[in-house]
Amino acid sequence: TLNTAELRPGARLLDVGCGTGRLAIRAAGLFPGLAPVEATGVDATPEMIALARRRAAEEGSPARFEVGVGEALP
């Protein structure tokens, strides 16, 4: 998925239905030493967002996670 996205340093990624946050966390860490990908994950399940936030913190990832649904994004 990340190869297909053809992300560049400083790009922005929105992962709707992010689950445990694995994709957003990997995207945010693609370019060490360069502008990070601004990765945000959204999921309707608060427990998944809590898990994704814990994973990001454990890995030192700047990825952000918010509870929400794709049909009603702010």
PDB file of N, CA and C in Angstrom:
ATOM      1  N   THR A   1       0.825  -1.192   0.000  1.00  0.00           N
ATOM      2  CA  THR A   1       0.000   0.000   0.000  1.00  0.00           C
ATOM      3  C   THR A   1       0.863   1.248   0.000  1.00  0.00           C
ATOM      4  N   LEU A   2       1.894   1.260   0.834  1.00  0.00           N
ATOM      5  CA  LEU A   2       2.754   2.449   0.885  1.00  0.00           C
ATOM      6  C   LEU A   2       3.525   2.642  -0.409  1.00  0.00           C
ATOM      7  N   ASN A   3       3.943   1.558  -1.060  1.00  0.00           N
ATOM      8  CA  ASN A   3       4.623   1.689  -2.346  1.00  0.00           C
ATOM      9  C   ASN A   3       3.698   2.301  -3.389  1.00  0.00           C
ATOM     10  N   THR A   4       2.461   1.875  -3.410  1.00  0.00           N
ATOM     11  CA  THR A   4       1.487   2.388  -4.366  1.00  0.00           C
ATOM     12  C   THR A   4       1.188   3.859  -4.123  1.00  0.00           C
ATOM     13  N   ALA A   5       1.225   4.289  -2.880  1.00  0.00           N
ATOM     14  CA  ALA A   5       0.917   5.682  -2.536  1.00  0.00           C
ATOM     15  C   ALA A   5       1.984   6.653  -3.035  1.00  0.00           C
ATOM     16  N   GLU A   6       3.193   6.151  -3.292  1.00  0.00           N
ATOM     17  CA  GLU A   6       4.296   6.990  -3.779  1.00  0.00           C
ATOM     18  C   GLU A   6       4.487   8.244  -2.925  1.00  0.00           C
ATOM     19  N   LEU A   7       4.529   8.046  -1.614  1.00  0.00           N
ATOM     20  CA  LEU A   7       4.703   9.160  -0.684  1.00  0.00           C
ATOM     21  C   LEU A   7       6.091   9.763  -0.811  1.00  0.00           C
ATOM     22  N   ARG A   8       6.184  11.034  -0.507  1.00  0.00           N
ATOM     23  CA  ARG A   8       7.445  11.768  -0.506  1.00  0.00           C
ATOM     24  C   ARG A   8       7.632  12.382   0.887  1.00  0.00           C
ATOM     25  N   PRO A   9       8.864  12.772   1.241  1.00  0.00           N
ATOM     26  CA  PRO A   9       9.054  13.448   2.529  1.00  0.00           C
ATOM     27  C   PRO A   9       8.119  14.654   2.646  1.00  0.00           C
ATOM     28  N   GLY A  10       7.474  14.771   3.796  1.00  0.00           N
ATOM     29  CA  GLY A  10       6.565  15.877   4.052  1.00  0.00           C
ATOM     30  C   GLY A  10       5.155  15.669   3.539  1.00  0.00           C
ATOM     31  N   ALA A  11       4.879  14.527   2.916  1.00  0.00           N
ATOM     32  CA  ALA A  11       3.537  14.239   2.404  1.00  0.00           C
ATOM     33  C   ALA A  11       2.559  14.066   3.557  1.00  0.00           C
ATOM     34  N   ARG A  12       1.283  14.075   3.227  1.00  0.00           N
ATOM     35  CA  ARG A  12       0.234  13.854   4.229  1.00  0.00           C
ATOM     36  C   ARG A  12      -0.544  12.601   3.853  1.00  0.00           C
ATOM     37  N   LEU A  13      -0.839  11.770   4.866  1.00  0.00           N
ATOM     38  CA  LEU A  13      -1.568  10.525   4.656  1.00  0.00           C
ATOM     39  C   LEU A  13      -2.708  10.450   5.652  1.00  0.00           C
ATOM     40  N   LEU A  14      -3.901  10.128   5.174  1.00  0.00           N
ATOM     41  CA  LEU A  14      -5.050   9.890   6.042  1.00  0.00           C
ATOM     42  C   LEU A  14      -5.451   8.437   5.866  1.00  0.00           C
ATOM     43  N   ASP A  15      -5.385   7.665   6.940  1.00  0.00           N
ATOM     44  CA  ASP A  15      -5.756   6.257   6.926  1.00  0.00           C
ATOM     45  C   ASP A  15      -7.108   6.116   7.609  1.00  0.00           C
ATOM     46  N   VAL A  16      -8.164   5.995   6.802  1.00  0.00           N
ATOM     47  CA  VAL A  16      -9.532   5.866   7.329  1.00  0.00           C
ATOM     48  C   VAL A  16      -9.795   4.387   7.593  1.00  0.00           C
ATOM     49  N   GLY A  17     -10.233   4.087   8.806  1.00  0.00           N
ATOM     50  CA  GLY A  17     -10.401   2.697   9.215  1.00  0.00           C
ATOM     51  C   GLY A  17      -9.048   2.100   9.569  1.00  0.00           C
ATOM     52  N   CYS A  18      -8.253   2.852  10.313  1.00  0.00           N
ATOM     53  CA  CYS A  18      -6.844   2.516  10.570  1.00  0.00           C
ATOM     54  C   CYS A  18      -6.637   1.334  11.497  1.00  0.00           C
ATOM     55  N   GLY A  19      -7.658   0.922  12.235  1.00  0.00           N
ATOM     56  CA  GLY A  19      -7.483  -0.217  13.135  1.00  0.00           C
ATOM     57  C   GLY A  19      -6.375   0.035  14.137  1.00  0.00           C
ATOM     58  N   THR A  20      -5.380  -0.829  14.153  1.00  0.00           N
ATOM     59  CA  THR A  20      -4.299  -0.731  15.139  1.00  0.00           C
ATOM     60  C   THR A  20      -3.226   0.289  14.767  1.00  0.00           C
ATOM     61  N   GLY A  21      -3.351   0.937  13.625  1.00  0.00           N
ATOM     62  CA  GLY A  21      -2.453   2.024  13.253  1.00  0.00           C
ATOM     63  C   GLY A  21      -1.180   1.634  12.543  1.00  0.00           C
ATOM     64  N   ARG A  22      -1.041   0.384  12.209  1.00  0.00           N
ATOM     65  CA  ARG A  22       0.214  -0.100  11.621  1.00  0.00           C
ATOM     66  C   ARG A  22       0.617   0.688  10.366  1.00  0.00           C
ATOM     67  N   LEU A  23      -0.312   0.937   9.448  1.00  0.00           N
ATOM     68  CA  LEU A  23       0.013   1.634   8.209  1.00  0.00           C
ATOM     69  C   LEU A  23       0.458   3.074   8.470  1.00  0.00           C
ATOM     70  N   ALA A  24      -0.279   3.786   9.293  1.00  0.00           N
ATOM     71  CA  ALA A  24       0.066   5.185   9.589  1.00  0.00           C
ATOM     72  C   ALA A  24       1.420   5.276  10.299  1.00  0.00           C
ATOM     73  N   ILE A  25       1.675   4.381  11.209  1.00  0.00           N
ATOM     74  CA  ILE A  25       2.955   4.387  11.925  1.00  0.00           C
ATOM     75  C   ILE A  25       4.103   4.124  10.952  1.00  0.00           C
ATOM     76  N   ARG A  26       3.943   3.151  10.066  1.00  0.00           N
ATOM     77  CA  ARG A  26       4.994   2.878   9.068  1.00  0.00           C
ATOM     78  C   ARG A  26       5.185   4.066   8.144  1.00  0.00           C
ATOM     79  N   ALA A  27       4.096   4.676   7.705  1.00  0.00           N
ATOM     80  CA  ALA A  27       4.199   5.828   6.799  1.00  0.00           C
ATOM     81  C   ALA A  27       4.954   6.971   7.456  1.00  0.00           C
ATOM     82  N   ALA A  28       4.651   7.238   8.726  1.00  0.00           N
ATOM     83  CA  ALA A  28       5.292   8.349   9.440  1.00  0.00           C
ATOM     84  C   ALA A  28       6.798   8.135   9.596  1.00  0.00           C
ATOM     85  N   GLY A  29       7.260   6.898   9.509  1.00  0.00           N
ATOM     86  CA  GLY A  29       8.673   6.613   9.683  1.00  0.00           C
ATOM     87  C   GLY A  29       9.424   6.315   8.391  1.00  0.00           C
ATOM     88  N   LEU A  30       8.821   6.615   7.247  1.00  0.00           N
ATOM     89  CA  LEU A  30       9.435   6.264   5.968  1.00  0.00           C
ATOM     90  C   LEU A  30      10.736   6.995   5.655  1.00  0.00           C
ATOM     91  N   PHE A  31      10.868   8.227   6.099  1.00  0.00           N
ATOM     92  CA  PHE A  31      12.007   9.041   5.670  1.00  0.00           C
ATOM     93  C   PHE A  31      12.797   9.578   6.858  1.00  0.00           C
ATOM     94  N   PRO A  32      13.548   8.708   7.558  1.00  0.00           N
ATOM     95  CA  PRO A  32      14.332   9.167   8.706  1.00  0.00           C
ATOM     96  C   PRO A  32      15.311  10.265   8.289  1.00  0.00           C
ATOM     97  N   GLY A  33      15.370  11.312   9.084  1.00  0.00           N
ATOM     98  CA  GLY A  33      16.280  12.409   8.802  1.00  0.00           C
ATOM     99  C   GLY A  33      15.727  13.433   7.839  1.00  0.00           C
ATOM    100  N   LEU A  34      14.596  13.154   7.221  1.00  0.00           N
ATOM    101  CA  LEU A  34      13.936  14.095   6.318  1.00  0.00           C
ATOM    102  C   LEU A  34      12.597  14.493   6.917  1.00  0.00           C
ATOM    103  N   ALA A  35      11.856  15.329   6.204  1.00  0.00           N
ATOM    104  CA  ALA A  35      10.528  15.722   6.693  1.00  0.00           C
ATOM    105  C   ALA A  35       9.652  14.473   6.787  1.00  0.00           C
ATOM    106  N   PRO A  36       9.104  14.200   7.962  1.00  0.00           N
ATOM    107  CA  PRO A  36       8.290  12.988   8.101  1.00  0.00           C
ATOM    108  C   PRO A  36       6.976  13.104   7.334  1.00  0.00           C
ATOM    109  N   VAL A  37       6.415  11.960   6.993  1.00  0.00           N
ATOM    110  CA  VAL A  37       5.066  11.931   6.447  1.00  0.00           C
ATOM    111  C   VAL A  37       4.124  12.287   7.593  1.00  0.00           C
ATOM    112  N   GLU A  38       3.230  13.229   7.362  1.00  0.00           N
ATOM    113  CA  GLU A  38       2.236  13.604   8.373  1.00  0.00           C
ATOM    114  C   GLU A  38       1.098  12.593   8.283  1.00  0.00           C
ATOM    115  N   ALA A  39       1.159  11.559   9.106  1.00  0.00           N
ATOM    116  CA  ALA A  39       0.222  10.443   9.036  1.00  0.00           C
ATOM    117  C   ALA A  39      -0.814  10.543  10.145  1.00  0.00           C
ATOM    118  N   THR A  40      -2.082  10.461   9.737  1.00  0.00           N
ATOM    119  CA  THR A  40      -3.190  10.488  10.682  1.00  0.00           C
ATOM    120  C   THR A  40      -4.076   9.283  10.421  1.00  0.00           C
ATOM    121  N   GLY A  41      -4.409   8.562  11.472  1.00  0.00           N
ATOM    122  CA  GLY A  41      -5.315   7.429  11.376  1.00  0.00           C
ATOM    123  C   GLY A  41      -6.634   7.754  12.045  1.00  0.00           C
ATOM    124  N   VAL A  42      -7.723   7.305  11.415  1.00  0.00           N
ATOM    125  CA  VAL A  42      -9.073   7.513  11.941  1.00  0.00           C
ATOM    126  C   VAL A  42      -9.760   6.160  12.006  1.00  0.00           C
ATOM    127  N   ASP A  43     -10.409   5.882  13.132  1.00  0.00           N
ATOM    128  CA  ASP A  43     -11.156   4.638  13.271  1.00  0.00           C
ATOM    129  C   ASP A  43     -12.360   4.900  14.168  1.00  0.00           C
ATOM    130  N   ALA A  44     -13.447   4.184  13.907  1.00  0.00           N
ATOM    131  CA  ALA A  44     -14.680   4.375  14.674  1.00  0.00           C
ATOM    132  C   ALA A  44     -14.632   3.728  16.056  1.00  0.00           C
ATOM    133  N   THR A  45     -13.676   2.851  16.287  1.00  0.00           N
ATOM    134  CA  THR A  45     -13.613   2.107  17.543  1.00  0.00           C
ATOM    135  C   THR A  45     -12.597   2.738  18.488  1.00  0.00           C
ATOM    136  N   PRO A  46     -13.061   3.312  19.598  1.00  0.00           N
ATOM    137  CA  PRO A  46     -12.141   3.950  20.539  1.00  0.00           C
ATOM    138  C   PRO A  46     -11.023   3.024  21.026  1.00  0.00           C
ATOM    139  N   GLU A  47     -11.320   1.738  21.189  1.00  0.00           N
ATOM    140  CA  GLU A  47     -10.306   0.797  21.656  1.00  0.00           C
ATOM    141  C   GLU A  47      -9.181   0.638  20.626  1.00  0.00           C
ATOM    142  N   MET A  48      -9.532   0.669  19.348  1.00  0.00           N
ATOM    143  CA  MET A  48      -8.502   0.576  18.301  1.00  0.00           C
ATOM    144  C   MET A  48      -7.625   1.820  18.304  1.00  0.00           C
ATOM    145  N   ILE A  49      -8.240   2.974  18.498  1.00  0.00           N
ATOM    146  CA  ILE A  49      -7.472   4.223  18.549  1.00  0.00           C
ATOM    147  C   ILE A  49      -6.547   4.216  19.767  1.00  0.00           C
ATOM    148  N   ALA A  50      -7.027   3.738  20.895  1.00  0.00           N
ATOM    149  CA  ALA A  50      -6.182   3.655  22.092  1.00  0.00           C
ATOM    150  C   ALA A  50      -4.986   2.746  21.828  1.00  0.00           C
ATOM    151  N   LEU A  51      -5.218   1.619  21.172  1.00  0.00           N
ATOM    152  CA  LEU A  51      -4.134   0.699  20.846  1.00  0.00           C
ATOM    153  C   LEU A  51      -3.155   1.345  19.866  1.00  0.00           C
ATOM    154  N   ALA A  52      -3.671   2.011  18.847  1.00  0.00           N
ATOM    155  CA  ALA A  52      -2.803   2.674  17.866  1.00  0.00           C
ATOM    156  C   ALA A  52      -1.956   3.754  18.535  1.00  0.00           C
ATOM    157  N   ARG A  53      -2.538   4.517  19.433  1.00  0.00           N
ATOM    158  CA  ARG A  53      -1.783   5.559  20.136  1.00  0.00           C
ATOM    159  C   ARG A  53      -0.675   4.947  20.997  1.00  0.00           C
ATOM    160  N   ARG A  54      -0.988   3.836  21.670  1.00  0.00           N
ATOM    161  CA  ARG A  54       0.035   3.153  22.476  1.00  0.00           C
ATOM    162  C   ARG A  54       1.176   2.658  21.592  1.00  0.00           C
ATOM    163  N   ARG A  55       0.823   2.048  20.471  1.00  0.00           N
ATOM    164  CA  ARG A  55       1.850   1.555  19.548  1.00  0.00           C
ATOM    165  C   ARG A  55       2.731   2.695  19.056  1.00  0.00           C
ATOM    166  N   ALA A  56       2.108   3.801  18.666  1.00  0.00           N
ATOM    167  CA  ALA A  56       2.872   4.948  18.171  1.00  0.00           C
ATOM    168  C   ALA A  56       3.821   5.456  19.252  1.00  0.00           C
ATOM    169  N   ALA A  57       3.334   5.551  20.480  1.00  0.00           N
ATOM    170  CA  ALA A  57       4.176   6.023  21.582  1.00  0.00           C
ATOM    171  C   ALA A  57       5.338   5.060  21.820  1.00  0.00           C
ATOM    172  N   GLU A  58       5.061   3.758  21.813  1.00  0.00           N
ATOM    173  CA  GLU A  58       6.111   2.760  22.024  1.00  0.00           C
ATOM    174  C   GLU A  58       7.185   2.824  20.947  1.00  0.00           C
ATOM    175  N   GLU A  59       6.784   3.148  19.725  1.00  0.00           N
ATOM    176  CA  GLU A  59       7.732   3.183  18.605  1.00  0.00           C
ATOM    177  C   GLU A  59       8.306   4.580  18.374  1.00  0.00           C
ATOM    178  N   GLY A  60       7.878   5.551  19.171  1.00  0.00           N
ATOM    179  CA  GLY A  60       8.356   6.915  18.990  1.00  0.00           C
ATOM    180  C   GLY A  60       7.881   7.539  17.692  1.00  0.00           C
ATOM    181  N   SER A  61       6.721   7.129  17.243  1.00  0.00           N
ATOM    182  CA  SER A  61       6.178   7.607  15.969  1.00  0.00           C
ATOM    183  C   SER A  61       5.378   8.891  16.162  1.00  0.00           C
ATOM    184  N   PRO A  62       5.502   9.830  15.215  1.00  0.00           N
ATOM    185  CA  PRO A  62       4.701  11.051  15.283  1.00  0.00           C
ATOM    186  C   PRO A  62       3.293  10.885  14.711  1.00  0.00           C
ATOM    187  N   ALA A  63       2.933   9.676  14.269  1.00  0.00           N
ATOM    188  CA  ALA A  63       1.594   9.442  13.718  1.00  0.00           C
ATOM    189  C   ALA A  63       0.535   9.818  14.757  1.00  0.00           C
ATOM    190  N   ARG A  64      -0.566  10.393  14.274  1.00  0.00           N
ATOM    191  CA  ARG A  64      -1.664  10.795  15.166  1.00  0.00           C
ATOM    192  C   ARG A  64      -2.886   9.929  14.878  1.00  0.00           C
ATOM    193  N   PHE A  65      -3.732   9.771  15.879  1.00  0.00           N
ATOM    194  CA  PHE A  65      -4.906   8.938  15.756  1.00  0.00           C
ATOM    195  C   PHE A  65      -6.107   9.597  16.398  1.00  0.00           C
ATOM    196  N   GLU A  66      -7.255   9.526  15.699  1.00  0.00           N
ATOM    197  CA  GLU A  66      -8.485  10.142  16.170  1.00  0.00           C
ATOM    198  C   GLU A  66      -9.662   9.190  15.971  1.00  0.00           C
ATOM    199  N   VAL A  67     -10.605   9.227  16.895  1.00  0.00           N
ATOM    200  CA  VAL A  67     -11.844   8.456  16.742  1.00  0.00           C
ATOM    201  C   VAL A  67     -12.724   9.194  15.747  1.00  0.00           C
ATOM    202  N   GLY A  68     -13.248   8.469  14.773  1.00  0.00           N
ATOM    203  CA  GLY A  68     -14.143   9.066  13.786  1.00  0.00           C
ATOM    204  C   GLY A  68     -14.517   8.052  12.739  1.00  0.00           C
ATOM    205  N   VAL A  69     -15.415   8.433  11.842  1.00  0.00           N
ATOM    206  CA  VAL A  69     -15.841   7.581  10.737  1.00  0.00           C
ATOM    207  C   VAL A  69     -15.629   8.327   9.420  1.00  0.00           C
ATOM    208  N   GLY A  70     -15.351   7.580   8.387  1.00  0.00           N
ATOM    209  CA  GLY A  70     -15.077   8.171   7.089  1.00  0.00           C
ATOM    210  C   GLY A  70     -16.222   8.991   6.539  1.00  0.00           C
ATOM    211  N   GLU A  71     -17.433   8.638   6.890  1.00  0.00           N
ATOM    212  CA  GLU A  71     -18.608   9.350   6.372  1.00  0.00           C
ATOM    213  C   GLU A  71     -18.825  10.697   7.052  1.00  0.00           C
ATOM    214  N   ALA A  72     -18.101  10.979   8.130  1.00  0.00           N
ATOM    215  CA  ALA A  72     -18.305  12.234   8.876  1.00  0.00           C
ATOM    216  C   ALA A  72     -16.984  12.813   9.344  1.00  0.00           C
ATOM    217  N   LEU A  73     -16.041  12.961   8.424  1.00  0.00           N
ATOM    218  CA  LEU A  73     -14.747  13.552   8.800  1.00  0.00           C
ATOM    219  C   LEU A  73     -14.875  15.060   8.973  1.00  0.00           C
ATOM    220  N   PRO A  74     -14.174  15.611   9.948  1.00  0.00           N
ATOM    221  CA  PRO A  74     -14.240  17.087  10.133  1.00  0.00           C
ATOM    222  C   PRO A  74     -13.528  17.817   8.988  1.00  0.00           C
TER     223      PRO A  74
END
